[in-house]
Protein backbone atom coordinates (compact mmCIF):
# COMPACT_ATOMS: atom_id res chain seq x y z
CA UNK A 1 -9.26 15.15 -6.92
CA UNK A 2 -7.40 18.22 -7.42
CA UNK A 3 -9.19 19.58 -4.33
CA UNK A 4 -6.95 18.18 -2.12
CA UNK A 5 -3.38 19.52 -3.57
CA UNK A 6 -2.20 22.37 -2.23
CA UNK A 7 0.50 24.68 -3.68
CA UNK A 8 2.95 26.19 -1.38
CA UNK A 9 1.35 29.17 -0.63
CA UNK A 10 -2.36 27.64 -0.14
CA UNK A 11 -0.85 25.27 2.44
CA UNK A 12 0.93 28.18 4.21
CA UNK A 13 -2.92 29.87 4.01
CA UNK A 14 -4.73 26.93 5.48
CA UNK A 15 -2.45 26.37 8.14
CA UNK A 16 -3.12 29.93 9.47
CA UNK A 17 -6.78 29.16 8.92
CA UNK A 18 -6.35 25.89 10.99
CA UNK A 19 -4.36 27.71 13.98
CA UNK A 20 -6.51 30.62 13.92
CA UNK A 21 -10.44 29.42 13.05
CA UNK A 22 -12.80 30.74 13.88
CA UNK A 23 -11.86 33.78 12.62
CA UNK A 24 -13.15 36.81 11.70
CA UNK A 25 -12.26 37.40 7.65
CA UNK A 26 -11.26 40.76 8.44
CA UNK A 27 -8.98 39.68 10.87
CA UNK A 28 -7.53 37.07 8.67
CA UNK A 29 -6.46 40.00 6.02
CA UNK A 30 -4.50 41.23 8.77
CA UNK A 31 -2.80 38.25 9.78
CA UNK A 32 -1.98 37.51 6.18
CA UNK A 33 -0.69 40.67 5.39
CA UNK A 34 1.62 40.37 8.34
CA UNK A 35 2.70 36.60 7.79
CA UNK A 36 2.63 36.16 4.10
CA UNK A 37 2.86 40.02 2.78
CA UNK A 38 -0.71 39.67 1.08
CA UNK A 39 -3.14 42.49 0.36
CA UNK A 40 -6.45 41.99 1.08
CA UNK A 41 -7.64 41.13 -2.57
CA UNK A 42 -5.25 38.06 -2.25
CA UNK A 43 -6.46 36.71 0.76
CA UNK A 44 -10.02 36.58 -0.29
CA UNK A 45 -9.16 35.17 -3.30
CA UNK A 46 -7.21 32.28 -1.82
CA UNK A 47 -10.15 32.25 0.49
CA UNK A 48 -12.68 31.61 -1.90
CA UNK A 49 -10.27 29.16 -3.95
CA UNK A 50 -9.84 27.15 -0.50
CA UNK A 51 -13.66 27.26 0.19
CA UNK A 52 -14.73 26.05 -3.33
CA UNK A 53 -12.77 23.06 -2.34
CA UNK A 54 -14.90 22.30 0.93
CA UNK A 55 -12.06 22.88 3.38
CA UNK A 56 -13.33 26.10 4.80
CA UNK A 57 -16.32 28.15 4.73
CA UNK A 58 -16.78 31.99 5.11
CA UNK A 59 -20.05 32.36 6.88
CA UNK A 60 -20.98 35.86 7.08
CA UNK A 61 -17.85 36.89 7.44
CA UNK A 62 -16.47 34.34 9.85
CA UNK A 63 -14.34 31.65 8.11
CA UNK A 64 -14.47 28.43 9.62
CA UNK A 65 -13.00 24.98 9.26
CA UNK A 66 -15.04 22.09 7.65
CA UNK A 67 -12.21 19.93 7.15
CA UNK A 68 -9.80 19.84 10.19
CA UNK A 69 -5.87 19.42 9.35
CA UNK A 70 -6.34 15.76 10.41
CA UNK A 71 -9.29 14.99 8.35
CA UNK A 72 -7.63 16.71 5.33
CA UNK A 73 -4.48 14.74 5.52
CA UNK A 74 -6.38 11.44 5.68
CA UNK A 75 -7.96 12.44 2.66
CA UNK A 76 -4.65 13.07 0.76
CA UNK A 77 -3.39 9.47 2.00
CA UNK A 78 -6.29 7.69 1.23
CA UNK A 79 -6.40 9.61 -2.47
CA UNK A 80 -2.63 8.35 -2.66
CA UNK A 81 -3.29 4.96 -2.01
CA UNK A 82 -6.17 4.66 -4.08
CA UNK A 83 -4.06 6.18 -7.09
CA UNK A 84 -0.86 4.55 -6.62
CA UNK A 85 -1.45 0.97 -4.86
CA UNK A 86 -5.09 0.27 -6.08
CA UNK A 87 -6.35 1.16 -2.93
CA UNK A 88 -4.29 -1.60 -1.19
CA UNK A 89 -3.12 0.07 2.31
CA UNK A 90 -0.90 -3.69 2.55
CA UNK A 91 0.71 -2.93 -0.72
CA UNK A 92 1.58 0.79 0.58
CA UNK A 93 3.14 -0.38 3.65
CA UNK A 94 5.10 -3.31 1.39
CA UNK A 95 6.47 -0.85 -0.92
CA UNK A 96 7.36 1.78 2.01
CA UNK A 97 8.81 -0.41 3.90
CA UNK A 98 11.22 -1.84 1.24
CA UNK A 99 12.53 1.62 1.26
CA UNK A 100 12.74 2.43 5.16
CA UNK A 101 13.10 0.13 7.74
CA UNK A 102 10.72 0.65 10.60
CA UNK A 103 12.06 1.24 14.26
CA UNK A 104 10.89 -1.01 16.99
CA UNK A 105 9.07 2.08 18.20
CA UNK A 106 7.02 2.70 14.75
CA UNK A 107 6.11 -1.24 14.89
CA UNK A 108 4.90 -0.66 18.13
CA UNK A 109 2.46 1.90 17.07
CA UNK A 110 1.45 -0.03 14.09
CA UNK A 111 0.57 -3.00 15.79
CA UNK A 112 -1.45 -1.20 18.47
CA UNK A 113 -3.40 0.77 15.47
CA UNK A 114 -4.05 -3.04 14.33
CA UNK A 115 -4.79 -4.44 17.50
CA UNK A 116 -7.58 -1.35 18.20
CA UNK A 117 -8.64 -1.84 14.51
CA UNK A 118 -9.07 -5.65 15.14
CA UNK A 119 -11.06 -5.00 18.78
CA UNK A 120 -13.55 -2.67 17.45
CA UNK A 121 -14.70 -4.60 14.54
CA UNK A 122 -15.54 -7.56 16.65
């Protein structure tokens, strides 16, 4: 799923949209000129690219979010775990914690999430 992989400039552009949306496409052009030094054509090319990927939409000149930053990150995480750990979150966590020891605070947060999921599944 290459639509979830963003290059450096795509990521910067997406961040701008997530911060500003909904935003008029003309205003987006001005913002990108100021922040990224882009021309109008570059902004529209990048916008079309990210709209094709289903992250944003250009609805009659208003750029809107289709996937929030958190939704996008969650999909990227799911894709990574699927591709690298056969979709197994426990295998991912085992590999991760072999390289990095979790702090007491991180363990508490994980336990809280597990308890919450367990409670919701009852």
